């Protein structure tokens, strides 16, 4: 199946398919993942791969300071 056909069947733009295909996506909507799996007749684990990105992780404080006014 071509990337263009996949984009059409999933209902997302070619630009977004390209981002996913090239591994540049930071996130994916579950509805998009579900649609891709339906079209490709696969499970998420068949198309996703875990990559440790601790070098790019932002450590946020556990509690944000708020001032009461």
N, C-alpha and C. Protein backbone atom coordinates (compact mmCIF):
# COMPACT_ATOMS: atom_id res chain seq x y z
N UNK A 1 0.86 -1.18 0.00
CA UNK A 1 0.00 0.00 0.00
C UNK A 1 0.90 1.24 0.00
N UNK A 2 0.54 2.20 -0.80
CA UNK A 2 1.34 3.42 -0.87
C UNK A 2 1.04 4.30 0.35
N UNK A 3 1.94 5.21 0.63
CA UNK A 3 1.77 6.14 1.73
C UNK A 3 0.56 7.04 1.46
N UNK A 4 0.37 7.41 0.21
CA UNK A 4 -0.78 8.24 -0.16
C UNK A 4 -2.09 7.50 0.10
N UNK A 5 -2.14 6.24 -0.27
CA UNK A 5 -3.34 5.44 -0.04
C UNK A 5 -3.60 5.26 1.46
N UNK A 6 -2.53 5.02 2.22
CA UNK A 6 -2.69 4.88 3.68
C UNK A 6 -3.23 6.17 4.28
N UNK A 7 -2.69 7.30 3.89
CA UNK A 7 -3.16 8.59 4.40
C UNK A 7 -4.64 8.77 4.09
N UNK A 8 -5.04 8.45 2.89
CA UNK A 8 -6.44 8.59 2.49
C UNK A 8 -7.35 7.67 3.31
N UNK A 9 -6.94 6.43 3.48
CA UNK A 9 -7.77 5.47 4.21
C UNK A 9 -7.84 5.78 5.71
N UNK A 10 -6.76 6.31 6.27
CA UNK A 10 -6.72 6.64 7.70
C UNK A 10 -7.43 7.97 7.95
N UNK A 11 -7.37 8.86 6.96
CA UNK A 11 -8.02 10.16 7.11
C UNK A 11 -7.12 11.22 7.72
N UNK A 12 -5.82 11.12 7.44
CA UNK A 12 -4.89 12.15 7.89
C UNK A 12 -4.09 12.64 6.69
N UNK A 13 -3.41 13.75 6.87
CA UNK A 13 -2.69 14.36 5.76
C UNK A 13 -1.42 13.59 5.44
N UNK A 14 -0.93 13.79 4.23
CA UNK A 14 0.34 13.21 3.83
C UNK A 14 1.48 13.73 4.71
N UNK A 15 1.39 14.97 5.12
CA UNK A 15 2.43 15.54 5.99
C UNK A 15 2.49 14.78 7.31
N UNK A 16 1.32 14.47 7.88
CA UNK A 16 1.30 13.74 9.15
C UNK A 16 1.77 12.30 8.98
N UNK A 17 1.40 11.66 7.88
CA UNK A 17 1.90 10.31 7.60
C UNK A 17 3.41 10.34 7.46
N UNK A 18 3.92 11.36 6.81
CA UNK A 18 5.37 11.49 6.62
C UNK A 18 6.09 11.63 7.96
N UNK A 19 5.53 12.43 8.86
CA UNK A 19 6.11 12.60 10.19
C UNK A 19 6.15 11.27 10.93
N UNK A 20 5.06 10.51 10.84
CA UNK A 20 5.01 9.20 11.48
C UNK A 20 6.01 8.23 10.83
N UNK A 21 6.02 8.22 9.51
CA UNK A 21 6.88 7.29 8.76
C UNK A 21 8.35 7.54 9.04
N UNK A 22 8.73 8.80 9.18
CA UNK A 22 10.14 9.15 9.38
C UNK A 22 10.56 9.13 10.84
N UNK A 23 9.65 8.76 11.72
CA UNK A 23 10.01 8.67 13.14
C UNK A 23 10.19 10.00 13.83
N UNK A 24 9.59 11.05 13.29
CA UNK A 24 9.75 12.39 13.85
C UNK A 24 8.59 12.80 14.76
N UNK A 25 7.59 11.94 14.87
CA UNK A 25 6.40 12.28 15.68
C UNK A 25 6.75 12.22 17.16
N UNK A 26 6.27 13.18 17.90
CA UNK A 26 6.44 13.20 19.36
C UNK A 26 5.26 12.53 20.04
N UNK A 27 4.16 12.40 19.34
CA UNK A 27 2.95 11.79 19.89
C UNK A 27 2.06 11.35 18.74
N UNK A 28 1.11 10.48 19.08
CA UNK A 28 0.11 10.06 18.10
C UNK A 28 -1.21 9.90 18.84
N UNK A 29 -2.26 10.40 18.23
CA UNK A 29 -3.59 10.24 18.84
C UNK A 29 -3.97 8.77 18.80
N UNK A 30 -4.61 8.33 19.86
CA UNK A 30 -5.05 6.93 19.89
C UNK A 30 -6.02 6.63 18.76
N UNK A 31 -6.85 7.60 18.40
CA UNK A 31 -7.79 7.39 17.29
C UNK A 31 -7.04 7.21 15.97
N UNK A 32 -5.93 7.91 15.80
CA UNK A 32 -5.11 7.74 14.59
C UNK A 32 -4.43 6.39 14.59
N UNK A 33 -3.90 6.00 15.74
CA UNK A 33 -3.26 4.69 15.86
C UNK A 33 -4.27 3.58 15.58
N UNK A 34 -5.47 3.73 16.12
CA UNK A 34 -6.52 2.75 15.89
C UNK A 34 -6.86 2.65 14.40
N UNK A 35 -6.98 3.80 13.74
CA UNK A 35 -7.32 3.81 12.32
C UNK A 35 -6.21 3.17 11.49
N UNK A 36 -4.96 3.44 11.82
CA UNK A 36 -3.85 2.83 11.10
C UNK A 36 -3.88 1.31 11.28
N UNK A 37 -4.11 0.87 12.51
CA UNK A 37 -4.15 -0.58 12.78
C UNK A 37 -5.32 -1.25 12.04
N UNK A 38 -6.46 -0.58 11.96
CA UNK A 38 -7.59 -1.14 11.22
C UNK A 38 -7.26 -1.28 9.74
N UNK A 39 -6.68 -0.23 9.17
CA UNK A 39 -6.36 -0.24 7.75
C UNK A 39 -5.30 -1.29 7.44
N UNK A 40 -4.30 -1.42 8.31
CA UNK A 40 -3.20 -2.36 8.06
C UNK A 40 -3.45 -3.74 8.64
N UNK A 41 -4.59 -3.89 9.34
CA UNK A 41 -4.94 -5.16 9.99
C UNK A 41 -3.78 -5.66 10.85
N UNK A 42 -3.39 -4.81 11.81
CA UNK A 42 -2.26 -5.14 12.68
C UNK A 42 -2.54 -4.67 14.11
N UNK A 43 -1.62 -4.95 14.99
CA UNK A 43 -1.67 -4.50 16.37
C UNK A 43 -0.69 -3.34 16.54
N UNK A 44 -0.92 -2.45 17.53
CA UNK A 44 0.01 -1.33 17.73
C UNK A 44 1.47 -1.76 17.87
N UNK A 45 1.70 -2.88 18.55
CA UNK A 45 3.07 -3.36 18.72
C UNK A 45 3.74 -3.77 17.43
N UNK A 46 2.96 -4.00 16.39
CA UNK A 46 3.53 -4.35 15.09
C UNK A 46 4.14 -3.14 14.39
N UNK A 47 3.71 -1.94 14.78
CA UNK A 47 4.18 -0.75 14.07
C UNK A 47 4.88 0.26 14.97
N UNK A 48 4.83 0.04 16.29
CA UNK A 48 5.49 0.95 17.23
C UNK A 48 6.74 0.31 17.78
N UNK A 49 7.72 1.16 18.08
CA UNK A 49 8.96 0.69 18.67
C UNK A 49 9.34 1.65 19.78
N UNK A 50 9.69 1.10 20.93
CA UNK A 50 10.11 1.94 22.06
C UNK A 50 11.53 2.41 21.83
N UNK A 51 11.74 3.71 22.06
CA UNK A 51 13.07 4.29 21.96
C UNK A 51 13.31 5.13 23.20
N UNK A 52 14.36 4.84 23.92
CA UNK A 52 14.67 5.60 25.14
C UNK A 52 15.06 7.02 24.75
N UNK A 53 14.32 7.96 25.26
CA UNK A 53 14.58 9.37 24.91
C UNK A 53 14.88 10.18 26.16
N UNK A 54 15.56 9.59 27.14
CA UNK A 54 15.83 10.30 28.39
C UNK A 54 16.67 11.54 28.19
N UNK A 55 17.45 11.57 27.13
CA UNK A 55 18.27 12.76 26.87
C UNK A 55 17.41 13.96 26.50
N UNK A 56 16.22 13.71 25.95
CA UNK A 56 15.34 14.79 25.53
C UNK A 56 14.19 15.03 26.51
N UNK A 57 14.23 14.36 27.65
CA UNK A 57 13.14 14.47 28.60
C UNK A 57 13.26 15.76 29.40
N UNK A 58 12.15 16.42 29.58
CA UNK A 58 12.08 17.61 30.41
C UNK A 58 11.57 17.19 31.77
N UNK A 59 12.30 17.52 32.81
CA UNK A 59 11.87 17.17 34.16
C UNK A 59 11.07 18.33 34.75
N UNK A 60 9.78 18.14 34.84
CA UNK A 60 8.90 19.15 35.40
C UNK A 60 8.82 18.98 36.90
N UNK A 61 8.61 20.06 37.64
CA UNK A 61 8.44 19.92 39.09
C UNK A 61 7.17 19.13 39.39
N UNK A 62 7.19 18.42 40.52
CA UNK A 62 6.02 17.63 40.89
C UNK A 62 4.82 18.52 41.20
N UNK A 63 5.07 19.67 41.74
CA UNK A 63 4.00 20.59 42.09
C UNK A 63 4.39 21.99 41.63
N UNK A 64 3.52 22.61 40.90
CA UNK A 64 3.80 23.97 40.44
C UNK A 64 3.44 24.97 41.54
N UNK A 65 4.28 25.96 41.71
CA UNK A 65 3.98 26.95 42.75
C UNK A 65 2.84 27.87 42.30
N UNK A 66 1.83 28.00 43.11
CA UNK A 66 0.71 28.89 42.84
C UNK A 66 0.64 29.92 43.95
N UNK A 67 0.33 31.14 43.58
CA UNK A 67 0.12 32.15 44.61
C UNK A 67 -1.37 32.37 44.76
N UNK A 68 -1.82 32.43 45.98
CA UNK A 68 -3.24 32.67 46.23
C UNK A 68 -3.46 34.18 46.30
N UNK A 69 -4.38 34.64 45.48
CA UNK A 69 -4.67 36.08 45.49
C UNK A 69 -6.12 36.33 45.80
